[in-house]
C-alpha atoms as a PDB file:
ATOM      1  CA  MET A   1     247.285  73.678 134.904  1.00  0.00           C
ATOM      2  CA  ASP A   2     247.670  77.239 136.273  1.00  0.00           C
ATOM      3  CA  TRP A   3     244.925  78.576 138.107  1.00  0.00           C
ATOM      4  CA  ARG A   4     244.573  81.368 135.086  1.00  0.00           C
ATOM      5  CA  ARG A   5     243.375  78.560 133.096  1.00  0.00           C
ATOM      6  CA  LEU A   6     241.186  76.823 135.536  1.00  0.00           C
ATOM      7  CA  ALA A   7     239.158  80.047 135.988  1.00  0.00           C
ATOM      8  CA  VAL A   8     238.069  80.843 132.845  1.00  0.00           C
ATOM      9  CA  PHE A   9     236.833  76.450 132.759  1.00  0.00           C
ATOM     10  CA  ILE A  10     235.005  77.474 135.430  1.00  0.00           C
ATOM     11  CA  ALA A  11     233.183  80.688 133.865  1.00  0.00           C
ATOM     12  CA  ILE A  12     232.661  79.182 130.989  1.00  0.00           C
ATOM     13  CA  ASN A  13     231.373  75.652 132.767  1.00  0.00           C
ATOM     14  CA  ILE A  14     228.508  78.091 135.165  1.00  0.00           C
ATOM     15  CA  VAL A  15     227.618  79.976 131.351  1.00  0.00           C
ATOM     16  CA  VAL A  16     227.179  76.859 130.318  1.00  0.00           C
ATOM     17  CA  SER A  17     224.990  75.988 133.338  1.00  0.00           C
ATOM     18  CA  VAL A  18     223.073  79.024 133.510  1.00  0.00           C
ATOM     19  CA  ALA A  19     222.012  78.850 129.629  1.00  0.00           C
ATOM     20  CA  ALA A  20     221.238  75.534 130.427  1.00  0.00           C
ATOM     21  CA  THR A  21     218.820  75.923 133.213  1.00  0.00           C
ATOM     22  CA  LEU A  22     216.927  78.958 130.968  1.00  0.00           C
ATOM     23  CA  ILE A  23     216.414  76.883 128.495  1.00  0.00           C
ATOM     24  CA  THR A  24     215.258  74.163 130.684  1.00  0.00           C
ATOM     25  CA  LEU A  25     212.703  76.601 132.620  1.00  0.00           C
ATOM     26  CA  SER A  26     211.347  77.709 129.395  1.00  0.00           C
ATOM     27  CA  ILE A  27     210.125  74.668 127.825  1.00  0.00           C
ATOM     28  CA  TRP A  28     208.672  73.710 130.688  1.00  0.00           C
ATOM     29  CA  GLU A  29     207.041  76.948 131.314  1.00  0.00           C
ATOM     30  CA  SER A  30     205.213  76.506 128.222  1.00  0.00           C
ATOM     31  CA  SER A  31     204.707  73.249 127.912  1.00  0.00           C
ATOM     32  CA  ARG A  32     202.193  73.972 130.990  1.00  0.00           C
ATOM     33  CA  GLN A  33     199.922  76.955 128.796  1.00  0.00           C
ATOM     34  CA  PRO A  34     197.184  75.936 126.728  1.00  0.00           C
ATOM     35  CA  ALA A  35     197.954  75.072 123.238  1.00  0.00           C
ATOM     36  CA  SER A  36     196.091  77.527 122.174  1.00  0.00           C
ATOM     37  CA  ALA A  37     193.819  80.707 123.992  1.00  0.00           C
ATOM     38  CA  PRO A  38     190.361  79.674 123.949  1.00  0.00           C
ATOM     39  CA  LEU A  39     187.805  81.878 121.831  1.00  0.00           C
ATOM     40  CA  ALA A  40     185.562  84.320 123.664  1.00  0.00           C
ATOM     41  CA  THR A  41     182.650  83.568 123.277  1.00  0.00           C
ATOM     42  CA  PRO A  42     180.077  86.097 121.422  1.00  0.00           C
ATOM     43  CA  ILE A  43     177.052  87.633 122.738  1.00  0.00           C
ATOM     44  CA  ALA A  44     174.203  87.030 121.145  1.00  0.00           C
ATOM     45  CA  GLU A  45     172.621  90.075 119.734  1.00  0.00           C
ATOM     46  CA  ALA A  46     169.646  91.129 121.230  1.00  0.00           C
ATOM     47  CA  GLN A  47     166.399  91.155 118.640  1.00  0.00           C
ATOM     48  CA  SER A  48     164.383  94.143 118.116  1.00  0.00           C
ATOM     49  CA  THR A  49     161.100  92.587 119.299  1.00  0.00           C
ATOM     50  CA  PRO A  50     158.050  93.976 116.895  1.00  0.00           C
ATOM     51  CA  ALA A  51     155.919  96.913 118.003  1.00  0.00           C
ATOM     52  CA  PRO A  52     152.337  94.825 118.449  1.00  0.00           C
ATOM     53  CA  GLN A  53     150.124  95.850 115.482  1.00  0.00           C
ATOM     54  CA  ALA A  54     147.175  98.393 116.161  1.00  0.00           C
ATOM     55  CA  THR A  55     144.298  95.105 116.359  1.00  0.00           C
ATOM     56  CA  PRO A  56     141.445  97.311 114.039  1.00  0.00           C
ATOM     57  CA  ILE A  57     137.862  97.225 115.627  1.00  0.00           C
ATOM     58  CA  ALA A  58     135.278  95.733 112.774  1.00  0.00           C
ATOM     59  CA  THR A  59     132.705  98.177 111.917  1.00  0.00           C
ATOM     60  CA  SER A  60     129.500  97.907 110.238  1.00  0.00           C
ATOM     61  CA  LEU A  61     126.627 100.059 108.963  1.00  0.00           C
ATOM     62  CA  PRO A  62     123.677 100.088 110.900  1.00  0.00           C
ATOM     63  CA  THR A  63     121.150  97.790 108.614  1.00  0.00           C
ATOM     64  CA  ASP A  64     118.180  99.049 109.757  1.00  0.00           C
ATOM     65  CA  VAL A  65     117.948 102.217 108.107  1.00  0.00           C
ATOM     66  CA  PRO A  66     115.757 102.505 105.363  1.00  0.00           C
ATOM     67  CA  ALA A  67     116.857 102.993 101.664  1.00  0.00           C
ATOM     68  CA  PRO A  68     116.452 106.530 100.482  1.00  0.00           C
ATOM     69  CA  THR A  69     113.814 106.494  97.251  1.00  0.00           C
ATOM     70  CA  PHE A  70     113.126 108.546  94.902  1.00  0.00           C
ATOM     71  CA  THR A  71     109.255 109.067  94.174  1.00  0.00           C
ATOM     72  CA  PRO A  72     109.162 110.362  89.786  1.00  0.00           C
ATOM     73  CA  THR A  73     106.997 113.308  89.138  1.00  0.00           C
ATOM     74  CA  PRO A  74     103.838 112.433  88.206  1.00  0.00           C
ATOM     75  CA  PRO A  75     103.334 113.171  84.480  1.00  0.00           C
ATOM     76  CA  GLY A  76     101.142 116.387  83.061  1.00  0.00           C
ATOM     77  CA  PRO A  77     100.946 119.706  81.278  1.00  0.00           C
ATOM     78  CA  PHE A  78     104.150 122.662  81.315  1.00  0.00           C
ATOM     79  CA  LEU A  79     105.154 124.720  79.161  1.00  0.00           C
ATOM     80  CA  TYR A  80     107.749 124.065  76.493  1.00  0.00           C
ATOM     81  CA  THR A  81     109.793 126.645  74.279  1.00  0.00           C
ATOM     82  CA  ILE A  82     109.999 126.547  70.458  1.00  0.00           C
ATOM     83  CA  GLN A  83     113.771 125.927  69.534  1.00  0.00           C
ATOM     84  CA  PRO A  84     114.701 126.532  65.751  1.00  0.00           C
ATOM     85  CA  GLY A  85     113.984 123.278  64.190  1.00  0.00           C
ATOM     86  CA  ASP A  86     110.951 122.199  66.447  1.00  0.00           C
ATOM     87  CA  THR A  87     107.654 121.348  64.347  1.00  0.00           C
ATOM     88  CA  LEU A  88     104.453 120.181  65.740  1.00  0.00           C
ATOM     89  CA  GLY A  89     105.313 116.491  64.669  1.00  0.00           C
ATOM     90  CA  SER A  90     108.625 116.534  66.458  1.00  0.00           C
ATOM     91  CA  LEU A  91     107.472 117.197  68.854  1.00  0.00           C
ATOM     92  CA  ALA A  92     104.507 115.292  69.526  1.00  0.00           C
ATOM     93  CA  LEU A  93     107.541 112.358  68.214  1.00  0.00           C
ATOM     94  CA  GLU A  94     109.828 113.861  70.844  1.00  0.00           C
ATOM     95  CA  PHE A  95     107.307 113.743  73.622  1.00  0.00           C
ATOM     96  CA  ASP A  96     105.451 110.748  73.035  1.00  0.00           C
ATOM     97  CA  VAL A  97     102.492 112.870  72.745  1.00  0.00           C
ATOM     98  CA  ALA A  98      99.764 111.612  69.475  1.00  0.00           C
ATOM     99  CA  LEU A  99      99.601 114.675  67.449  1.00  0.00           C
ATOM    100  CA  GLU A 100      96.479 115.676  67.805  1.00  0.00           C
ATOM    101  CA  GLU A 101      96.303 116.009  71.939  1.00  0.00           C
ATOM    102  CA  LEU A 102      99.331 117.926  71.312  1.00  0.00           C
ATOM    103  CA  LEU A 103      97.232 120.857  68.651  1.00  0.00           C
ATOM    104  CA  ALA A 104      94.242 119.996  70.880  1.00  0.00           C
ATOM    105  CA  ALA A 105      95.706 121.013  73.482  1.00  0.00           C
ATOM    106  CA  ASN A 106      97.283 124.016  72.208  1.00  0.00           C
ATOM    107  CA  GLY A 107      94.050 124.779  69.801  1.00  0.00           C
ATOM    108  CA  LEU A 108      96.590 124.575  67.436  1.00  0.00           C
ATOM    109  CA  THR A 109      95.242 122.483  63.300  1.00  0.00           C
ATOM    110  CA  GLU A 110      97.579 120.977  61.818  1.00  0.00           C
ATOM    111  CA  ASP A 111      99.209 123.659  59.373  1.00  0.00           C
ATOM    112  CA  ALA A 112     100.088 126.152  62.529  1.00  0.00           C
ATOM    113  CA  ILE A 113     103.485 127.391  62.249  1.00  0.00           C
ATOM    114  CA  LEU A 114     105.199 127.633  65.465  1.00  0.00           C
ATOM    115  CA  SER A 115     107.636 130.779  65.658  1.00  0.00           C
ATOM    116  CA  VAL A 116     111.357 130.305  67.880  1.00  0.00           C
ATOM    117  CA  GLY A 117     110.609 132.203  71.531  1.00  0.00           C
ATOM    118  CA  GLN A 118     107.015 130.368  71.260  1.00  0.00           C
ATOM    119  CA  GLN A 119     105.536 128.783  73.966  1.00  0.00           C
ATOM    120  CA  ILE A 120     103.280 125.645  74.050  1.00  0.00           C
ATOM    121  CA  THR A 121     101.988 123.449  76.396  1.00  0.00           C
ATOM    122  CA  ILE A 122     102.412 119.810  76.124  1.00  0.00           C
ATOM    123  CA  PRO A 123      99.348 117.618  77.709  1.00  0.00           C
ATOM    124  CA  VAL A 124     101.740 114.331  78.290  1.00  0.00           C
ATOM    125  CA  PRO A 125     105.296 115.418  79.366  1.00  0.00           C
ATOM    126  CA  GLY A 126     108.057 112.654  78.490  1.00  0.00           C
ATOM    127  CA  VAL A 127     108.784 111.572  82.062  1.00  0.00           C
ATOM    128  CA  PRO A 128     112.397 109.120  82.444  1.00  0.00           C
ATOM    129  CA  GLU A 129     111.740 105.592  84.630  1.00  0.00           C
ATOM    130  CA  ASP A 130     112.086 104.948  87.769  1.00  0.00           C
ATOM    131  CA  ALA A 131     115.903 105.218  88.742  1.00  0.00           C
ATOM    132  CA  SER A 132     114.873 102.572  91.249  1.00  0.00           C
ATOM    133  CA  SER A 133     112.801  99.979  88.571  1.00  0.00           C
ATOM    134  CA  PRO A 134     114.812  97.747  86.662  1.00  0.00           C
ATOM    135  CA  ALA A 135     116.516  99.162  83.694  1.00  0.00           C
ATOM    136  CA  ALA A 136     113.960  97.240  81.231  1.00  0.00           C
ATOM    137  CA  THR A 137     116.336  95.893  78.454  1.00  0.00           C
ATOM    138  CA  PRO A 138     116.374  98.181  75.215  1.00  0.00           C
ATOM    139  CA  GLU A 139     114.909  98.046  71.911  1.00  0.00           C
ATOM    140  CA  ALA A 140     116.524  98.340  69.484  1.00  0.00           C
ATOM    141  CA  THR A 141     114.644 101.348  67.271  1.00  0.00           C
ATOM    142  CA  SER A 142     115.926 102.354  63.122  1.00  0.00           C
ATOM    143  CA  ALA A 143     117.273 106.036  63.185  1.00  0.00           C
ATOM    144  CA  PRO A 144     115.459 108.542  62.566  1.00  0.00           C
ATOM    145  CA  ALA A 145     114.139 109.570  59.200  1.00  0.00           C
ATOM    146  CA  LEU A 146     116.115 112.872  57.294  1.00  0.00           C
ATOM    147  CA  VAL A 147     113.928 113.618  54.389  1.00  0.00           C
ATOM    148  CA  VAL A 148     112.962 117.677  54.177  1.00  0.00           C
ATOM    149  CA  ILE A 149     110.991 119.652  51.540  1.00  0.00           C
ATOM    150  CA  ARG A 150     113.843 121.439  49.794  1.00  0.00           C
ATOM    151  CA  GLU A 151     111.176 123.113  47.169  1.00  0.00           C
ATOM    152  CA  ILE A 152     107.909 123.313  45.129  1.00  0.00           C
ATOM    153  CA  GLU A 153     108.840 124.450  42.047  1.00  0.00           C
ATOM    154  CA  ALA A 154     106.672 126.044  40.022  1.00  0.00           C
ATOM    155  CA  SER A 155     103.605 126.491  42.157  1.00  0.00           C
ATOM    156  CA  GLY A 156     100.344 126.862  40.737  1.00  0.00           C
ATOM    157  CA  SER A 157     101.158 125.708  37.071  1.00  0.00           C
ATOM    158  CA  LEU A 158      99.795 122.263  36.585  1.00  0.00           C
ATOM    159  CA  GLU A 159     102.571 121.355  33.866  1.00  0.00           C
ATOM    160  CA  GLY A 160     105.569 122.092  35.993  1.00  0.00           C
ATOM    161  CA  GLU A 161     104.795 122.295  39.775  1.00  0.00           C
ATOM    162  CA  ALA A 162     106.510 119.554  41.997  1.00  0.00           C
ATOM    163  CA  VAL A 163     107.206 118.865  45.518  1.00  0.00           C
ATOM    164  CA  ILE A 164     111.549 118.262  45.675  1.00  0.00           C
ATOM    165  CA  PHE A 165     112.398 115.876  48.779  1.00  0.00           C
ATOM    166  CA  THR A 166     116.016 115.744  49.659  1.00  0.00           C
ATOM    167  CA  ASN A 167     116.962 112.350  52.041  1.00  0.00           C
ATOM    168  CA  LEU A 168     119.657 113.998  54.524  1.00  0.00           C
ATOM    169  CA  GLY A 169     119.598 110.179  56.041  1.00  0.00           C
ATOM    170  CA  ASP A 170     120.885 107.396  55.474  1.00  0.00           C
ATOM    171  CA  MET A 171     118.941 104.871  52.434  1.00  0.00           C
ATOM    172  CA  ILE A 172     115.073 104.758  53.421  1.00  0.00           C
ATOM    173  CA  ASN A 173     111.340 103.048  52.064  1.00  0.00           C
ATOM    174  CA  LEU A 174     109.051 105.791  51.778  1.00  0.00           C
ATOM    175  CA  THR A 175     106.239 102.720  50.828  1.00  0.00           C
ATOM    176  CA  GLY A 176     103.131 104.141  53.009  1.00  0.00           C
ATOM    177  CA  TRP A 177     104.565 107.927  52.858  1.00  0.00           C
ATOM    178  CA  THR A 178     101.425 110.627  52.451  1.00  0.00           C
ATOM    179  CA  LEU A 179     101.840 114.305  51.339  1.00  0.00           C
ATOM    180  CA  SER A 180      98.907 116.220  52.107  1.00  0.00           C
ATOM    181  CA  ASN A 181      98.276 120.359  51.887  1.00  0.00           C
ATOM    182  CA  GLY A 182      95.876 120.335  54.917  1.00  0.00           C
ATOM    183  CA  SER A 183      92.378 121.397  52.860  1.00  0.00           C
ATOM    184  CA  GLY A 184      91.964 117.150  51.735  1.00  0.00           C
ATOM    185  CA  LYS A 185      94.460 116.756  49.267  1.00  0.00           C
ATOM    186  CA  ARG A 186      96.354 113.303  50.235  1.00  0.00           C
ATOM    187  CA  TYR A 187      98.761 111.502  48.045  1.00  0.00           C
ATOM    188  CA  THR A 188     100.402 108.358  49.637  1.00  0.00           C
ATOM    189  CA  PHE A 189     103.978 106.988  47.511  1.00  0.00           C
ATOM    190  CA  PRO A 190     104.096 104.279  45.860  1.00  0.00           C
ATOM    191  CA  THR A 191     107.001 100.962  46.776  1.00  0.00           C
ATOM    192  CA  VAL A 192     110.136 103.526  46.403  1.00  0.00           C
ATOM    193  CA  THR A 193     113.188 104.001  47.753  1.00  0.00           C
ATOM    194  CA  LEU A 194     115.184 107.141  49.101  1.00  0.00           C
ATOM    195  CA  PHE A 195     119.392 107.115  48.782  1.00  0.00           C
ATOM    196  CA  ALA A 196     121.503 108.682  50.895  1.00  0.00           C
ATOM    197  CA  GLY A 197     121.664 112.076  49.483  1.00  0.00           C
ATOM    198  CA  ALA A 198     119.044 111.266  46.928  1.00  0.00           C
ATOM    199  CA  GLU A 199     116.168 113.713  45.481  1.00  0.00           C
ATOM    200  CA  LEU A 200     113.012 112.183  44.951  1.00  0.00           C
ATOM    201  CA  LYS A 201     110.007 114.864  42.665  1.00  0.00           C
ATOM    202  CA  LEU A 202     106.519 114.525  43.193  1.00  0.00           C
ATOM    203  CA  HIS A 203     104.918 115.762  40.142  1.00  0.00           C
ATOM    204  CA  THR A 204     101.050 117.010  40.161  1.00  0.00           C
ATOM    205  CA  ARG A 205     100.682 116.051  36.675  1.00  0.00           C
ATOM    206  CA  THR A 206      99.245 113.009  35.196  1.00  0.00           C
ATOM    207  CA  GLY A 207     102.883 110.662  34.095  1.00  0.00           C
ATOM    208  CA  ALA A 208     104.641 107.726  34.385  1.00  0.00           C
ATOM    209  CA  ASN A 209     106.512 107.028  38.085  1.00  0.00           C
ATOM    210  CA  THR A 210     110.182 105.897  37.266  1.00  0.00           C
ATOM    211  CA  PRO A 211     112.523 105.803  40.366  1.00  0.00           C
ATOM    212  CA  SER A 212     113.333 109.232  41.093  1.00  0.00           C
ATOM    213  CA  ASN A 213     109.772 110.611  39.355  1.00  0.00           C
ATOM    214  CA  LEU A 214     105.956 110.451  40.913  1.00  0.00           C
ATOM    215  CA  TYR A 215     102.973 111.636  39.477  1.00  0.00           C
ATOM    216  CA  TRP A 216     100.051 112.593  41.812  1.00  0.00           C
ATOM    217  CA  GLU A 217      98.125 112.045  38.334  1.00  0.00           C
ATOM    218  CA  GLN A 218      95.406 115.666  39.304  1.00  0.00           C
ATOM    219  CA  SER A 219      93.621 117.222  36.884  1.00  0.00           C
ATOM    220  CA  GLU A 220      94.571 120.915  38.766  1.00  0.00           C
ATOM    221  CA  ALA A 221      97.993 122.419  40.715  1.00  0.00           C
ATOM    222  CA  VAL A 222      98.047 121.674  44.192  1.00  0.00           C
ATOM    223  CA  TRP A 223     100.526 123.729  45.520  1.00  0.00           C
ATOM    224  CA  GLY A 224      99.258 127.548  44.007  1.00  0.00           C
ATOM    225  CA  LYS A 225      97.616 129.306  46.655  1.00  0.00           C
ATOM    226  CA  PRO A 226     100.961 131.546  48.955  1.00  0.00           C
ATOM    227  CA  GLY A 227     101.056 129.999  52.780  1.00  0.00           C
ATOM    228  CA  THR A 228      99.856 126.992  51.437  1.00  0.00           C
ATOM    229  CA  ILE A 229     101.819 124.269  53.505  1.00  0.00           C
ATOM    230  CA  ALA A 230     102.915 120.950  52.824  1.00  0.00           C
ATOM    231  CA  TYR A 231     102.811 118.033  55.239  1.00  0.00           C
ATOM    232  CA  LEU A 232     105.392 114.782  54.486  1.00  0.00           C
ATOM    233  CA  ARG A 233     104.392 112.696  57.566  1.00  0.00           C
ATOM    234  CA  ASP A 234     105.693 108.971  57.501  1.00  0.00           C
ATOM    235  CA  ALA A 235     103.590 104.804  57.629  1.00  0.00           C
ATOM    236  CA  SER A 236     103.068 105.705  60.919  1.00  0.00           C
ATOM    237  CA  GLY A 237     101.534 108.459  60.283  1.00  0.00           C
ATOM    238  CA  VAL A 238     104.373 110.993  62.265  1.00  0.00           C
ATOM    239  CA  LEU A 239     104.994 114.307  61.010  1.00  0.00           C
ATOM    240  CA  VAL A 240     108.671 114.317  59.699  1.00  0.00           C
ATOM    241  CA  ALA A 241     108.718 117.334  57.152  1.00  0.00           C
ATOM    242  CA  GLN A 242     106.459 120.626  56.316  1.00  0.00           C
ATOM    243  CA  TYR A 243     106.952 123.288  53.820  1.00  0.00           C
ATOM    244  CA  ARG A 244     104.765 126.736  53.235  1.00  0.00           C
ATOM    245  CA  VAL A 245     104.350 128.160  49.476  1.00  0.00           C
ATOM    246  CA  PRO A 246     105.628 131.098  49.820  1.00  0.00           C
END
């Protein structure tokens, strides 16, 4: 074996030895490191502390303060201005005053004619109930009568004279109602019903009653004098309508 081949052989052995040594050291170094890096410990998030809520201070109204009281207006006479459509009967009904008291307080008679704008004395005003008193149970009331005297035809003629009534409201029973002329003549209605929108004639002369025609059985005309006023009252005496003979 010559020296040249020997040198090559030695060099190869050295390279192999070095490589084996490096590999061995690498494996040994790897075995010393942990299998996996430790996980980082998470930092707990700081929880926000809610701001303390203000505690409301309980308040109460003083209990020793007396409740206000209301004193109703004492009843007494007062002036009223006549409005269109007002009659002595309607005012007596509205203010719950007897018709006789209303007439006496103003020095009027039943046949007095009221003028719009005229002032009259109401002897006892309709004072509302005290608001502090317990509410009374309302009583059922019927609608006001809307019967009017539309006309007195052929006034002064016994044969043709008749008072014509018109019902502008609901059906109504006229039994016990009266019609007077302010001079002592008074007619009392028999059992008769006046339907809504219907008309009824009261003839002065003698005749046989029908549902739409009544007869007073007078021997002379009742409405012949101009200015005579017809007064229609219900069964309780409340004035419902009036009519002046032209």
